[in-house]
Amino acid sequence: MEVKFEKLPENELDLISLIQTFNATLETIEKRLSRLEKMDSIEHRVEVNQIDLSDIKDSLERIEDKHNNGIQHINRRLDSHLVKIAKLEEEMMISKNK
């Protein structure tokens, strides 16, 4: 029995050492898990933002198409008015020269 009691302090130190090693390992695992959780949330946010950005881009392209059609229509009207003005100026110059 005495032999068992003599070995007990050695075993106790071994147990303490094992527990400390176990705690250090747990801390390392917790840090890694927290980084993974952060990465997952960042990746999720990036994906969501990409979806949002693509939706915004599509909307802007649709708006741009509508406005381009409107701008093209306005440009055609301005061109036709410029042509009319040019014709009137030409007619005025012809009438002055007569």
C-alpha atoms as a PDB file:
ATOM      1  CA  MET A   1       0.000   0.000   0.000  1.00  0.00           C
ATOM      2  CA  GLU A   2       2.807   2.382   0.746  1.00  0.00           C
ATOM      3  CA  VAL A   3       4.092   2.050  -2.790  1.00  0.00           C
ATOM      4  CA  LYS A   4       0.762   3.137  -4.159  1.00  0.00           C
ATOM      5  CA  PHE A   5       0.747   6.260  -1.987  1.00  0.00           C
ATOM      6  CA  GLU A   6       4.258   7.170  -3.060  1.00  0.00           C
ATOM      7  CA  LYS A   7       3.264   7.015  -6.705  1.00  0.00           C
ATOM      8  CA  LEU A   8       0.135   9.073  -6.139  1.00  0.00           C
ATOM      9  CA  PRO A   9       1.904  12.467  -6.083  1.00  0.00           C
ATOM     10  CA  GLU A  10       3.649  11.572  -9.344  1.00  0.00           C
ATOM     11  CA  ASN A  11       0.342  10.586 -10.875  1.00  0.00           C
ATOM     12  CA  GLU A  12      -1.239  13.752  -9.519  1.00  0.00           C
ATOM     13  CA  LEU A  13       1.402  15.872 -11.268  1.00  0.00           C
ATOM     14  CA  ASP A  14       0.859  13.888 -14.442  1.00  0.00           C
ATOM     15  CA  LEU A  15      -2.877  14.485 -14.159  1.00  0.00           C
ATOM     16  CA  ILE A  16      -2.363  18.212 -13.624  1.00  0.00           C
ATOM     17  CA  SER A  17      -0.048  18.332 -16.600  1.00  0.00           C
ATOM     18  CA  LEU A  18      -2.568  16.431 -18.739  1.00  0.00           C
ATOM     19  CA  ILE A  19      -5.385  18.758 -17.671  1.00  0.00           C
ATOM     20  CA  GLN A  20      -3.280  21.825 -18.525  1.00  0.00           C
ATOM     21  CA  THR A  21      -2.411  20.351 -21.917  1.00  0.00           C
ATOM     22  CA  PHE A  22      -6.075  19.519 -22.464  1.00  0.00           C
ATOM     23  CA  ASN A  23      -7.086  23.098 -21.552  1.00  0.00           C
ATOM     24  CA  ALA A  24      -4.500  24.540 -23.941  1.00  0.00           C
ATOM     25  CA  THR A  25      -5.752  22.254 -26.704  1.00  0.00           C
ATOM     26  CA  LEU A  26      -9.350  23.290 -25.997  1.00  0.00           C
ATOM     27  CA  GLU A  27      -8.407  26.967 -26.196  1.00  0.00           C
ATOM     28  CA  THR A  28      -6.708  26.374 -29.538  1.00  0.00           C
ATOM     29  CA  ILE A  29      -9.767  24.538 -30.853  1.00  0.00           C
ATOM     30  CA  GLU A  30     -12.078  27.317 -29.613  1.00  0.00           C
ATOM     31  CA  LYS A  31      -9.952  29.948 -31.371  1.00  0.00           C
ATOM     32  CA  ARG A  32     -10.022  27.967 -34.604  1.00  0.00           C
ATOM     33  CA  LEU A  33     -13.776  27.484 -34.357  1.00  0.00           C
ATOM     34  CA  SER A  34     -14.357  31.182 -33.733  1.00  0.00           C
ATOM     35  CA  ARG A  35     -12.243  31.999 -36.810  1.00  0.00           C
ATOM     36  CA  LEU A  36     -14.259  29.522 -38.863  1.00  0.00           C
ATOM     37  CA  GLU A  37     -17.504  31.062 -37.619  1.00  0.00           C
ATOM     38  CA  LYS A  38     -16.225  34.505 -38.564  1.00  0.00           C
ATOM     39  CA  MET A  39     -15.176  33.237 -41.981  1.00  0.00           C
ATOM     40  CA  ASP A  40     -18.587  31.644 -42.509  1.00  0.00           C
ATOM     41  CA  SER A  41     -20.361  34.858 -41.557  1.00  0.00           C
ATOM     42  CA  ILE A  42     -18.028  36.913 -43.777  1.00  0.00           C
ATOM     43  CA  GLU A  43     -18.532  34.525 -46.686  1.00  0.00           C
ATOM     44  CA  HIS A  44     -22.269  34.678 -46.111  1.00  0.00           C
ATOM     45  CA  ARG A  45     -22.202  38.474 -46.073  1.00  0.00           C
ATOM     46  CA  VAL A  46     -20.100  38.523 -49.236  1.00  0.00           C
ATOM     47  CA  GLU A  47     -22.552  36.196 -50.985  1.00  0.00           C
ATOM     48  CA  VAL A  48     -25.511  38.278 -49.835  1.00  0.00           C
ATOM     49  CA  ASN A  49     -23.767  41.478 -50.918  1.00  0.00           C
ATOM     50  CA  GLN A  50     -22.944  39.938 -54.291  1.00  0.00           C
ATOM     51  CA  ILE A  51     -26.608  39.077 -54.743  1.00  0.00           C
ATOM     52  CA  ASP A  52     -27.591  42.590 -53.674  1.00  0.00           C
ATOM     53  CA  LEU A  53     -25.020  44.138 -56.010  1.00  0.00           C
ATOM     54  CA  SER A  54     -26.119  41.998 -58.938  1.00  0.00           C
ATOM     55  CA  ASP A  55     -29.757  42.972 -58.275  1.00  0.00           C
ATOM     56  CA  ILE A  56     -28.777  46.635 -58.142  1.00  0.00           C
ATOM     57  CA  LYS A  57     -26.730  46.269 -61.327  1.00  0.00           C
ATOM     58  CA  ASP A  58     -29.674  44.641 -63.122  1.00  0.00           C
ATOM     59  CA  SER A  59     -31.993  47.394 -61.931  1.00  0.00           C
ATOM     60  CA  LEU A  60     -29.565  50.080 -63.060  1.00  0.00           C
ATOM     61  CA  GLU A  61     -29.222  48.437 -66.463  1.00  0.00           C
ATOM     62  CA  ARG A  62     -33.014  48.369 -66.858  1.00  0.00           C
ATOM     63  CA  ILE A  63     -33.239  52.032 -65.817  1.00  0.00           C
ATOM     64  CA  GLU A  64     -30.367  52.896 -68.132  1.00  0.00           C
ATOM     65  CA  ASP A  65     -32.100  51.132 -71.019  1.00  0.00           C
ATOM     66  CA  LYS A  66     -35.295  53.060 -70.360  1.00  0.00           C
ATOM     67  CA  HIS A  67     -33.432  56.340 -70.090  1.00  0.00           C
ATOM     68  CA  ASN A  68     -31.310  55.583 -73.123  1.00  0.00           C
ATOM     69  CA  ASN A  69     -34.495  55.039 -75.113  1.00  0.00           C
ATOM     70  CA  GLY A  70     -35.813  58.342 -73.779  1.00  0.00           C
ATOM     71  CA  ILE A  71     -32.513  60.104 -74.465  1.00  0.00           C
ATOM     72  CA  GLN A  72     -32.372  58.642 -77.975  1.00  0.00           C
ATOM     73  CA  HIS A  73     -35.909  59.903 -78.587  1.00  0.00           C
ATOM     74  CA  ILE A  74     -34.961  63.355 -77.305  1.00  0.00           C
ATOM     75  CA  ASN A  75     -31.807  63.352 -79.456  1.00  0.00           C
ATOM     76  CA  ARG A  76     -33.867  62.456 -82.538  1.00  0.00           C
ATOM     77  CA  ARG A  77     -36.310  65.280 -81.777  1.00  0.00           C
ATOM     78  CA  LEU A  78     -33.442  67.725 -81.296  1.00  0.00           C
ATOM     79  CA  ASP A  79     -31.864  66.570 -84.566  1.00  0.00           C
ATOM     80  CA  SER A  80     -35.137  67.074 -86.415  1.00  0.00           C
ATOM     81  CA  HIS A  81     -35.491  70.575 -84.899  1.00  0.00           C
ATOM     82  CA  LEU A  82     -31.904  71.410 -85.889  1.00  0.00           C
ATOM     83  CA  VAL A  83     -32.658  70.274 -89.418  1.00  0.00           C
ATOM     84  CA  LYS A  84     -35.771  72.482 -89.488  1.00  0.00           C
ATOM     85  CA  ILE A  85     -33.760  75.444 -88.184  1.00  0.00           C
ATOM     86  CA  ALA A  86     -31.053  74.840 -90.770  1.00  0.00           C
ATOM     87  CA  LYS A  87     -33.687  74.727 -93.543  1.00  0.00           C
ATOM     88  CA  LEU A  88     -35.261  77.962 -92.297  1.00  0.00           C
ATOM     89  CA  GLU A  89     -31.837  79.655 -92.191  1.00  0.00           C
ATOM     90  CA  GLU A  90     -31.153  78.436 -95.696  1.00  0.00           C
ATOM     91  CA  GLU A  91     -34.518  79.728 -96.914  1.00  0.00           C
ATOM     92  CA  MET A  92     -33.860  83.099 -95.209  1.00  0.00           C
ATOM     93  CA  MET A  93     -30.463  83.390 -96.889  1.00  0.00           C
ATOM     94  CA  ILE A  94     -31.977  82.516-100.261  1.00  0.00           C
ATOM     95  CA  SER A  95     -34.761  85.071 -99.795  1.00  0.00           C
ATOM     96  CA  LYS A  96     -32.224  87.801 -98.831  1.00  0.00           C
ATOM     97  CA  ASN A  97     -30.116  87.105-101.914  1.00  0.00           C
ATOM     98  CA  LYS A  98     -33.102  87.504-104.281  1.00  0.00           C
END
